[in-house]
C-alpha cells in the first residue's frame, strides 16, 4: 500500500517583472534564499500578510523572511496558483517591481 501524500503545494508562477529580476540573480546564496521562501509560500499561500490597496484587482500579499533577508510580493489566484510579482531584499536588484 502506498503511503498517503502530504498536503498539495500551490503552483508558483512569476509575473514578467519578477521574471526579469530572476534573470539578475547570480549568487548561490541568493538562489538558495529565494528557493526557501518559495517553498514556504507554496506550502501555505496565505502565510504572507495582505498589503492594503485597491480591491478591484487581486489581493497583493507580502512574505518576509528576516533570516534569509528575502521579501516576496505575490497574489493567489482563484485556482490557488501563487503569482510572484516582485522580489525584495537580498534577492532583488534594487527594490521590487509591483504588479
PDB file of N, CA and C in Angstrom:
ATOM      1  N   UNK A   1       0.839  -1.175   0.000  1.00  0.00           N
ATOM      2  CA  UNK A   1       0.000   0.000   0.000  1.00  0.00           C
ATOM      3  C   UNK A   1       0.884   1.237   0.000  1.00  0.00           C
ATOM      4  N   UNK A   2       0.557   2.200  -0.839  1.00  0.00           N
ATOM      5  CA  UNK A   2       1.344   3.424  -0.962  1.00  0.00           C
ATOM      6  C   UNK A   2       1.088   4.336   0.234  1.00  0.00           C
ATOM      7  N   UNK A   3       2.131   5.023   0.707  1.00  0.00           N
ATOM      8  CA  UNK A   3       1.931   5.948   1.828  1.00  0.00           C
ATOM      9  C   UNK A   3       1.071   7.134   1.388  1.00  0.00           C
ATOM     10  N   UNK A   4       0.303   7.722   2.306  1.00  0.00           N
ATOM     11  CA  UNK A   4      -0.525   8.876   1.940  1.00  0.00           C
ATOM     12  C   UNK A   4       0.349  10.080   1.578  1.00  0.00           C
ATOM     13  N   UNK A   5      -0.157  10.865   0.668  1.00  0.00           N
ATOM     14  CA  UNK A   5       0.555  12.071   0.239  1.00  0.00           C
ATOM     15  C   UNK A   5       0.330  13.188   1.244  1.00  0.00           C
ATOM     16  N   UNK A   6       1.297  14.097   1.323  1.00  0.00           N
ATOM     17  CA  UNK A   6       1.158  15.266   2.173  1.00  0.00           C
ATOM     18  C   UNK A   6       0.263  16.298   1.505  1.00  0.00           C
ATOM     19  N   UNK A   7       0.112  17.448   2.118  1.00  0.00           N
ATOM     20  CA  UNK A   7      -0.718  18.494   1.525  1.00  0.00           C
ATOM     21  C   UNK A   7      -0.159  18.917   0.172  1.00  0.00           C
ATOM     22  N   UNK A   8      -1.060  19.240  -0.726  1.00  0.00           N
ATOM     23  CA  UNK A   8      -0.665  19.655  -2.067  1.00  0.00           C
ATOM     24  C   UNK A   8      -0.099  21.066  -2.019  1.00  0.00           C
ATOM     25  N   UNK A   9       1.001  21.279  -2.721  1.00  0.00           N
ATOM     26  CA  UNK A   9       1.615  22.608  -2.774  1.00  0.00           C
ATOM     27  C   UNK A   9       0.998  23.433  -3.888  1.00  0.00           C
ATOM     28  N   UNK A  10       0.962  24.731  -3.670  1.00  0.00           N
ATOM     29  CA  UNK A  10       0.472  25.641  -4.695  1.00  0.00           C
ATOM     30  C   UNK A  10       1.492  25.732  -5.820  1.00  0.00           C
ATOM     31  N   UNK A  11       0.998  25.901  -7.019  1.00  0.00           N
ATOM     32  CA  UNK A  11       1.879  26.122  -8.162  1.00  0.00           C
ATOM     33  C   UNK A  11       2.371  27.560  -8.090  1.00  0.00           C
ATOM     34  N   UNK A  12       3.650  27.778  -8.433  1.00  0.00           N
ATOM     35  CA  UNK A  12       4.234  29.119  -8.395  1.00  0.00           C
ATOM     36  C   UNK A  12       4.440  29.598  -9.824  1.00  0.00           C
ATOM     37  N   UNK A  13       4.042  30.824 -10.095  1.00  0.00           N
ATOM     38  CA  UNK A  13       4.281  31.465 -11.393  1.00  0.00           C
ATOM     39  C   UNK A  13       4.913  32.828 -11.115  1.00  0.00           C
ATOM     40  N   UNK A  14       5.556  33.400 -12.114  1.00  0.00           N
ATOM     41  CA  UNK A  14       6.206  34.698 -11.954  1.00  0.00           C
ATOM     42  C   UNK A  14       5.643  35.690 -12.958  1.00  0.00           C
ATOM     43  N   UNK A  15       5.371  36.908 -12.489  1.00  0.00           N
ATOM     44  CA  UNK A  15       4.965  37.967 -13.406  1.00  0.00           C
ATOM     45  C   UNK A  15       6.177  38.325 -14.266  1.00  0.00           C
ATOM     46  N   UNK A  16       5.953  39.079 -15.319  1.00  0.00           N
ATOM     47  CA  UNK A  16       7.068  39.481 -16.200  1.00  0.00           C
ATOM     48  C   UNK A  16       8.132  40.260 -15.435  1.00  0.00           C
ATOM     49  N   UNK A  17       7.698  41.158 -14.544  1.00  0.00           N
ATOM     50  CA  UNK A  17       8.680  41.962 -13.803  1.00  0.00           C
ATOM     51  C   UNK A  17       9.492  41.094 -12.845  1.00  0.00           C
ATOM     52  N   UNK A  18       8.857  40.116 -12.198  1.00  0.00           N
ATOM     53  CA  UNK A  18       9.594  39.222 -11.304  1.00  0.00           C
ATOM     54  C   UNK A  18      10.533  38.322 -12.101  1.00  0.00           C
ATOM     55  N   UNK A  19      10.108  37.886 -13.279  1.00  0.00           N
ATOM     56  CA  UNK A  19      10.970  37.047 -14.124  1.00  0.00           C
ATOM     57  C   UNK A  19      12.227  37.812 -14.541  1.00  0.00           C
ATOM     58  N   UNK A  20      12.089  39.101 -14.806  1.00  0.00           N
ATOM     59  CA  UNK A  20      13.268  39.914 -15.140  1.00  0.00           C
ATOM     60  C   UNK A  20      14.217  40.007 -13.952  1.00  0.00           C
ATOM     61  N   UNK A  21      13.662  40.123 -12.749  1.00  0.00           N
ATOM     62  CA  UNK A  21      14.503  40.165 -11.564  1.00  0.00           C
ATOM     63  C   UNK A  21      15.229  38.836 -11.371  1.00  0.00           C
ATOM     64  N   UNK A  22      14.554  37.737 -11.685  1.00  0.00           N
ATOM     65  CA  UNK A  22      15.187  36.416 -11.560  1.00  0.00           C
ATOM     66  C   UNK A  22      16.415  36.296 -12.457  1.00  0.00           C
ATOM     67  N   UNK A  23      16.355  36.910 -13.628  1.00  0.00           N
ATOM     68  CA  UNK A  23      17.478  36.855 -14.565  1.00  0.00           C
ATOM     69  C   UNK A  23      18.742  37.469 -13.973  1.00  0.00           C
ATOM     70  N   UNK A  24      18.578  38.375 -13.025  1.00  0.00           N
ATOM     71  CA  UNK A  24      19.725  39.072 -12.442  1.00  0.00           C
ATOM     72  C   UNK A  24      20.311  38.375 -11.210  1.00  0.00           C
ATOM     73  N   UNK A  25      19.705  37.266 -10.802  1.00  0.00           N
ATOM     74  CA  UNK A  25      20.256  36.522  -9.671  1.00  0.00           C
ATOM     75  C   UNK A  25      21.508  35.790 -10.128  1.00  0.00           C
ATOM     76  N   UNK A  26      22.589  35.964  -9.397  1.00  0.00           N
ATOM     77  CA  UNK A  26      23.835  35.311  -9.786  1.00  0.00           C
ATOM     78  C   UNK A  26      24.434  34.473  -8.675  1.00  0.00           C
ATOM     79  N   UNK A  27      24.227  34.870  -7.455  1.00  0.00           N
ATOM     80  CA  UNK A  27      24.863  34.182  -6.337  1.00  0.00           C
ATOM     81  C   UNK A  27      24.085  32.959  -5.871  1.00  0.00           C
ATOM     82  N   UNK A  28      24.812  31.952  -5.457  1.00  0.00           N
ATOM     83  CA  UNK A  28      24.191  30.739  -4.939  1.00  0.00           C
ATOM     84  C   UNK A  28      23.363  31.034  -3.687  1.00  0.00           C
ATOM     85  N   UNK A  29      23.844  31.940  -2.846  1.00  0.00           N
ATOM     86  CA  UNK A  29      23.113  32.300  -1.626  1.00  0.00           C
ATOM     87  C   UNK A  29      21.777  32.965  -1.971  1.00  0.00           C
ATOM     88  N   UNK A  30      21.760  33.812  -2.998  1.00  0.00           N
ATOM     89  CA  UNK A  30      20.518  34.461  -3.418  1.00  0.00           C
ATOM     90  C   UNK A  30      19.504  33.427  -3.897  1.00  0.00           C
ATOM     91  N   UNK A  31      19.960  32.500  -4.707  1.00  0.00           N
ATOM     92  CA  UNK A  31      19.075  31.473  -5.245  1.00  0.00           C
ATOM     93  C   UNK A  31      18.549  30.577  -4.128  1.00  0.00           C
ATOM     94  N   UNK A  32      19.415  30.218  -3.201  1.00  0.00           N
ATOM     95  CA  UNK A  32      19.008  29.380  -2.062  1.00  0.00           C
ATOM     96  C   UNK A  32      17.959  30.108  -1.212  1.00  0.00           C
ATOM     97  N   UNK A  33      18.170  31.383  -0.944  1.00  0.00           N
ATOM     98  CA  UNK A  33      17.227  32.162  -0.143  1.00  0.00           C
ATOM     99  C   UNK A  33      15.872  32.249  -0.841  1.00  0.00           C
ATOM    100  N   UNK A  34      15.881  32.484  -2.139  1.00  0.00           N
ATOM    101  CA  UNK A  34      14.634  32.548  -2.896  1.00  0.00           C
ATOM    102  C   UNK A  34      13.930  31.194  -2.877  1.00  0.00           C
ATOM    103  N   UNK A  35      14.667  30.116  -3.083  1.00  0.00           N
ATOM    104  CA  UNK A  35      14.069  28.779  -3.065  1.00  0.00           C
ATOM    105  C   UNK A  35      13.363  28.505  -1.745  1.00  0.00           C
ATOM    106  N   UNK A  36      14.000  28.859  -0.641  1.00  0.00           N
ATOM    107  CA  UNK A  36      13.401  28.623   0.677  1.00  0.00           C
ATOM    108  C   UNK A  36      12.099  29.415   0.829  1.00  0.00           C
ATOM    109  N   UNK A  37      12.095  30.658   0.397  1.00  0.00           N
ATOM    110  CA  UNK A  37      10.891  31.485   0.504  1.00  0.00           C
ATOM    111  C   UNK A  37       9.777  30.948  -0.394  1.00  0.00           C
ATOM    112  N   UNK A  38      10.134  30.471  -1.584  1.00  0.00           N
ATOM    113  CA  UNK A  38       9.130  29.920  -2.491  1.00  0.00           C
ATOM    114  C   UNK A  38       8.505  28.645  -1.928  1.00  0.00           C
ATOM    115  N   UNK A  39       9.291  27.842  -1.244  1.00  0.00           N
ATOM    116  CA  UNK A  39       8.747  26.630  -0.614  1.00  0.00           C
ATOM    117  C   UNK A  39       7.723  27.021   0.443  1.00  0.00           C
ATOM    118  N   UNK A  40       8.032  28.032   1.230  1.00  0.00           N
ATOM    119  CA  UNK A  40       7.109  28.460   2.290  1.00  0.00           C
ATOM    120  C   UNK A  40       5.774  28.886   1.705  1.00  0.00           C
ATOM    121  N   UNK A  41       5.790  29.741   0.675  1.00  0.00           N
ATOM    122  CA  UNK A  41       4.503  30.208   0.134  1.00  0.00           C
ATOM    123  C   UNK A  41       3.814  29.143  -0.715  1.00  0.00           C
ATOM    124  N   UNK A  42       4.554  28.161  -1.227  1.00  0.00           N
ATOM    125  CA  UNK A  42       3.890  27.081  -1.965  1.00  0.00           C
ATOM    126  C   UNK A  42       3.150  26.147  -1.019  1.00  0.00           C
ATOM    127  N   UNK A  43       3.674  25.968   0.195  1.00  0.00           N
ATOM    128  CA  UNK A  43       3.026  25.113   1.191  1.00  0.00           C
ATOM    129  C   UNK A  43       1.820  25.826   1.796  1.00  0.00           C
ATOM    130  N   UNK A  44       1.945  27.125   2.049  1.00  0.00           N
ATOM    131  CA  UNK A  44       0.861  27.901   2.662  1.00  0.00           C
ATOM    132  C   UNK A  44       0.795  29.277   2.011  1.00  0.00           C
ATOM    133  N   UNK A  45       0.043  29.418   0.915  1.00  0.00           N
ATOM    134  CA  UNK A  45      -0.036  30.708   0.219  1.00  0.00           C
ATOM    135  C   UNK A  45      -0.591  31.855   1.070  1.00  0.00           C
ATOM    136  N   UNK A  46      -1.288  31.532   2.139  1.00  0.00           N
ATOM    137  CA  UNK A  46      -1.863  32.570   2.998  1.00  0.00           C
ATOM    138  C   UNK A  46      -0.907  33.029   4.093  1.00  0.00           C
ATOM    139  N   UNK A  47       0.332  32.538   4.087  1.00  0.00           N
ATOM    140  CA  UNK A  47       1.294  32.859   5.132  1.00  0.00           C
ATOM    141  C   UNK A  47       1.673  34.344   5.124  1.00  0.00           C
ATOM    142  N   UNK A  48       1.707  34.962   3.968  1.00  0.00           N
ATOM    143  CA  UNK A  48       2.082  36.371   3.881  1.00  0.00           C
ATOM    144  C   UNK A  48       0.981  37.277   4.394  1.00  0.00           C
ATOM    145  N   UNK A  49       1.359  38.493   4.688  1.00  0.00           N
ATOM    146  CA  UNK A  49       0.361  39.443   5.169  1.00  0.00           C
ATOM    147  C   UNK A  49      -0.172  40.274   4.010  1.00  0.00           C
ATOM    148  N   UNK A  50      -1.472  40.573   4.031  1.00  0.00           N
ATOM    149  CA  UNK A  50      -2.075  41.367   2.958  1.00  0.00           C
ATOM    150  C   UNK A  50      -1.510  42.783   2.931  1.00  0.00           C
ATOM    151  N   UNK A  51      -1.356  43.319   1.745  1.00  0.00           N
ATOM    152  CA  UNK A  51      -0.933  44.705   1.565  1.00  0.00           C
ATOM    153  C   UNK A  51      -2.188  45.501   1.218  1.00  0.00           C
ATOM    154  N   UNK A  52      -2.525  46.495   2.019  1.00  0.00           N
ATOM    155  CA  UNK A  52      -3.733  47.279   1.731  1.00  0.00           C
ATOM    156  C   UNK A  52      -3.625  47.951   0.367  1.00  0.00           C
ATOM    157  N   UNK A  53      -4.734  48.008  -0.317  1.00  0.00           N
ATOM    158  CA  UNK A  53      -4.730  48.652  -1.623  1.00  0.00           C
ATOM    159  C   UNK A  53      -6.080  48.550  -2.286  1.00  0.00           C
ATOM    160  N   UNK A  54      -6.063  48.690  -3.583  1.00  0.00           N
ATOM    161  CA  UNK A  54      -7.262  48.662  -4.404  1.00  0.00           C
ATOM    162  C   UNK A  54      -7.906  47.280  -4.350  1.00  0.00           C
ATOM    163  N   UNK A  55      -9.209  47.250  -4.155  1.00  0.00           N
ATOM    164  CA  UNK A  55      -9.911  45.968  -4.090  1.00  0.00           C
ATOM    165  C   UNK A  55     -10.360  45.492  -5.469  1.00  0.00           C
ATOM    166  N   UNK A  56     -10.093  46.258  -6.523  1.00  0.00           N
ATOM    167  CA  UNK A  56     -10.512  45.865  -7.868  1.00  0.00           C
ATOM    168  C   UNK A  56      -9.664  44.719  -8.406  1.00  0.00           C
ATOM    169  N   UNK A  57      -8.417  44.650  -8.025  1.00  0.00           N
ATOM    170  CA  UNK A  57      -7.529  43.597  -8.526  1.00  0.00           C
ATOM    171  C   UNK A  57      -7.325  42.520  -7.494  1.00  0.00           C
ATOM    172  N   UNK A  58      -6.375  41.639  -7.742  1.00  0.00           N
ATOM    173  CA  UNK A  58      -6.097  40.585  -6.764  1.00  0.00           C
ATOM    174  C   UNK A  58      -5.484  41.159  -5.488  1.00  0.00           C
ATOM    175  N   UNK A  59      -5.680  40.478  -4.379  1.00  0.00           N
ATOM    176  CA  UNK A  59      -5.131  40.907  -3.081  1.00  0.00           C
ATOM    177  C   UNK A  59      -3.632  40.656  -3.068  1.00  0.00           C
ATOM    178  N   UNK A  60      -2.860  41.726  -3.108  1.00  0.00           N
ATOM    179  CA  UNK A  60      -1.411  41.616  -3.071  1.00  0.00           C
ATOM    180  C   UNK A  60      -0.986  41.298  -1.647  1.00  0.00           C
ATOM    181  N   UNK A  61      -0.058  40.353  -1.504  1.00  0.00           N
ATOM    182  CA  UNK A  61       0.441  39.927  -0.197  1.00  0.00           C
ATOM    183  C   UNK A  61       1.957  40.036  -0.195  1.00  0.00           C
ATOM    184  N   UNK A  62       2.535  40.089   0.995  1.00  0.00           N
ATOM    185  CA  UNK A  62       3.991  40.059   1.106  1.00  0.00           C
ATOM    186  C   UNK A  62       4.406  39.006   2.118  1.00  0.00           C
ATOM    187  N   UNK A  63       5.468  38.298   1.779  1.00  0.00           N
ATOM    188  CA  UNK A  63       6.049  37.334   2.703  1.00  0.00           C
ATOM    189  C   UNK A  63       7.486  37.779   2.931  1.00  0.00           C
ATOM    190  N   UNK A  64       7.866  37.960   4.179  1.00  0.00           N
ATOM    191  CA  UNK A  64       9.224  38.385   4.512  1.00  0.00           C
ATOM    192  C   UNK A  64       9.880  37.335   5.396  1.00  0.00           C
ATOM    193  N   UNK A  65      11.101  36.991   5.051  1.00  0.00           N
ATOM    194  CA  UNK A  65      11.918  36.083   5.850  1.00  0.00           C
ATOM    195  C   UNK A  65      13.136  36.887   6.272  1.00  0.00           C
ATOM    196  N   UNK A  66      13.134  37.339   7.518  1.00  0.00           N
ATOM    197  CA  UNK A  66      14.216  38.196   8.005  1.00  0.00           C
ATOM    198  C   UNK A  66      15.546  37.450   8.090  1.00  0.00           C
ATOM    199  N   UNK A  67      15.494  36.155   8.381  1.00  0.00           N
ATOM    200  CA  UNK A  67      16.719  35.372   8.470  1.00  0.00           C
ATOM    201  C   UNK A  67      17.424  35.292   7.112  1.00  0.00           C
ATOM    202  N   UNK A  68      16.662  35.009   6.067  1.00  0.00           N
ATOM    203  CA  UNK A  68      17.227  34.904   4.715  1.00  0.00           C
ATOM    204  C   UNK A  68      17.306  36.267   4.020  1.00  0.00           C
ATOM    205  N   UNK A  69      16.707  37.294   4.630  1.00  0.00           N
ATOM    206  CA  UNK A  69      16.666  38.644   4.066  1.00  0.00           C
ATOM    207  C   UNK A  69      16.009  38.649   2.677  1.00  0.00           C
ATOM    208  N   UNK A  70      14.817  38.069   2.638  1.00  0.00           N
ATOM    209  CA  UNK A  70      14.047  37.983   1.402  1.00  0.00           C
ATOM    210  C   UNK A  70      12.640  38.495   1.657  1.00  0.00           C
ATOM    211  N   UNK A  71      12.095  39.215   0.710  1.00  0.00           N
ATOM    212  CA  UNK A  71      10.694  39.623   0.761  1.00  0.00           C
ATOM    213  C   UNK A  71      10.085  39.372  -0.606  1.00  0.00           C
ATOM    214  N   UNK A  72       8.986  38.642  -0.639  1.00  0.00           N
ATOM    215  CA  UNK A  72       8.287  38.350  -1.881  1.00  0.00           C
ATOM    216  C   UNK A  72       6.954  39.074  -1.885  1.00  0.00           C
ATOM    217  N   UNK A  73       6.605  39.656  -3.000  1.00  0.00           N
ATOM    218  CA  UNK A  73       5.281  40.231  -3.206  1.00  0.00           C
ATOM    219  C   UNK A  73       4.555  39.284  -4.146  1.00  0.00           C
ATOM    220  N   UNK A  74       3.335  38.897  -3.792  1.00  0.00           N
ATOM    221  CA  UNK A  74       2.628  37.911  -4.592  1.00  0.00           C
ATOM    222  C   UNK A  74       1.129  38.025  -4.396  1.00  0.00           C
ATOM    223  N   UNK A  75       0.382  37.342  -5.236  1.00  0.00           N
ATOM    224  CA  UNK A  75      -1.047  37.190  -5.056  1.00  0.00           C
ATOM    225  C   UNK A  75      -1.406  35.750  -5.377  1.00  0.00           C
ATOM    226  N   UNK A  76      -2.555  35.325  -4.883  1.00  0.00           N
ATOM    227  CA  UNK A  76      -3.017  33.959  -5.080  1.00  0.00           C
ATOM    228  C   UNK A  76      -4.251  34.005  -5.971  1.00  0.00           C
ATOM    229  N   UNK A  77      -4.249  33.203  -7.033  1.00  0.00           N
ATOM    230  CA  UNK A  77      -5.381  33.183  -7.955  1.00  0.00           C
ATOM    231  C   UNK A  77      -6.522  32.349  -7.381  1.00  0.00           C
ATOM    232  N   UNK A  78      -7.656  32.394  -8.058  1.00  0.00           N
ATOM    233  CA  UNK A  78      -8.824  31.615  -7.629  1.00  0.00           C
ATOM    234  C   UNK A  78      -8.532  30.114  -7.646  1.00  0.00           C
ATOM    235  N   UNK A  79      -7.615  29.684  -8.501  1.00  0.00           N
ATOM    236  CA  UNK A  79      -7.257  28.265  -8.574  1.00  0.00           C
ATOM    237  C   UNK A  79      -6.077  27.931  -7.671  1.00  0.00           C
ATOM    238  N   UNK A  80      -5.739  28.849  -6.769  1.00  0.00           N
ATOM    239  CA  UNK A  80      -4.673  28.676  -5.772  1.00  0.00           C
ATOM    240  C   UNK A  80      -3.266  28.658  -6.369  1.00  0.00           C
ATOM    241  N   UNK A  81      -3.090  29.216  -7.553  1.00  0.00           N
ATOM    242  CA  UNK A  81      -1.744  29.416  -8.079  1.00  0.00           C
ATOM    243  C   UNK A  81      -1.191  30.669  -7.430  1.00  0.00           C
ATOM    244  N   UNK A  82       0.046  30.623  -6.988  1.00  0.00           N
ATOM    245  CA  UNK A  82       0.687  31.771  -6.377  1.00  0.00           C
ATOM    246  C   UNK A  82       1.521  32.473  -7.437  1.00  0.00           C
ATOM    247  N   UNK A  83       1.237  33.746  -7.677  1.00  0.00           N
ATOM    248  CA  UNK A  83       1.949  34.519  -8.690  1.00  0.00           C
ATOM    249  C   UNK A  83       2.864  35.509  -7.977  1.00  0.00           C
ATOM    250  N   UNK A  84       4.165  35.346  -8.142  1.00  0.00           N
ATOM    251  CA  UNK A  84       5.145  36.238  -7.534  1.00  0.00           C
ATOM    252  C   UNK A  84       5.283  37.450  -8.442  1.00  0.00           C
ATOM    253  N   UNK A  85       5.075  38.635  -7.868  1.00  0.00           N
ATOM    254  CA  UNK A  85       5.139  39.849  -8.669  1.00  0.00           C
ATOM    255  C   UNK A  85       6.387  40.669  -8.404  1.00  0.00           C
ATOM    256  N   UNK A  86       7.091  40.424  -7.317  1.00  0.00           N
ATOM    257  CA  UNK A  86       8.300  41.183  -7.038  1.00  0.00           C
ATOM    258  C   UNK A  86       9.145  40.512  -5.977  1.00  0.00           C
ATOM    259  N   UNK A  87      10.442  40.758  -6.051  1.00  0.00           N
ATOM    260  CA  UNK A  87      11.413  40.203  -5.111  1.00  0.00           C
ATOM    261  C   UNK A  87      12.135  41.365  -4.460  1.00  0.00           C
ATOM    262  N   UNK A  88      12.331  41.305  -3.165  1.00  0.00           N
ATOM    263  CA  UNK A  88      12.998  42.392  -2.456  1.00  0.00           C
ATOM    264  C   UNK A  88      14.085  41.842  -1.549  1.00  0.00           C
ATOM    265  N   UNK A  89      14.896  42.729  -1.055  1.00  0.00           N
ATOM    266  CA  UNK A  89      15.938  42.333  -0.115  1.00  0.00           C
ATOM    267  C   UNK A  89      17.136  41.741  -0.817  1.00  0.00           C
ATOM    268  N   UNK A  90      17.693  40.706  -0.253  1.00  0.00           N
ATOM    269  CA  UNK A  90      18.890  40.066  -0.781  1.00  0.00           C
ATOM    270  C   UNK A  90      18.675  39.582  -2.207  1.00  0.00           C
ATOM    271  N   UNK A  91      17.452  39.171  -2.519  1.00  0.00           N
ATOM    272  CA  UNK A  91      17.191  38.545  -3.800  1.00  0.00           C
ATOM    273  C   UNK A  91      16.867  39.550  -4.879  1.00  0.00           C
ATOM    274  N   UNK A  92      16.761  40.799  -4.581  1.00  0.00           N
ATOM    275  CA  UNK A  92      16.348  41.763  -5.594  1.00  0.00           C
ATOM    276  C   UNK A  92      17.525  42.561  -6.119  1.00  0.00           C
ATOM    277  N   UNK A  93      17.287  43.130  -7.276  1.00  0.00           N
ATOM    278  CA  UNK A  93      18.272  44.039  -7.824  1.00  0.00           C
ATOM    279  C   UNK A  93      17.819  45.430  -7.393  1.00  0.00           C
ATOM    280  N   UNK A  94      17.934  46.072  -6.443  1.00  0.00           N
ATOM    281  CA  UNK A  94      17.457  47.403  -6.090  1.00  0.00           C
ATOM    282  C   UNK A  94      15.926  47.505  -6.130  1.00  0.00           C
ATOM    283  N   UNK A  95      15.290  47.070  -5.114  1.00  0.00           N
ATOM    284  CA  UNK A  95      13.856  47.279  -4.987  1.00  0.00           C
ATOM    285  C   UNK A  95      13.035  46.162  -5.610  1.00  0.00           C
ATOM    286  N   UNK A  96      11.785  46.489  -5.902  1.00  0.00           N
ATOM    287  CA  UNK A  96      10.905  45.467  -6.444  1.00  0.00           C
ATOM    288  C   UNK A  96      10.033  46.080  -7.519  1.00  0.00           C
ATOM    289  N   UNK A  97       9.444  45.226  -8.319  1.00  0.00           N
ATOM    290  CA  UNK A  97       8.513  45.667  -9.334  1.00  0.00           C
ATOM    291  C   UNK A  97       7.120  45.251  -8.909  1.00  0.00           C
ATOM    292  N   UNK A  98       6.215  46.182  -8.863  1.00  0.00           N
ATOM    293  CA  UNK A  98       4.836  45.862  -8.484  1.00  0.00           C
ATOM    294  C   UNK A  98       4.108  45.270  -9.673  1.00  0.00           C
ATOM    295  N   UNK A  99       2.904  44.845  -9.424  1.00  0.00           N
ATOM    296  CA  UNK A  99       2.080  44.192 -10.446  1.00  0.00           C
ATOM    297  C   UNK A  99       1.818  45.147 -11.575  1.00  0.00           C
TER     298      UNK A  99
END
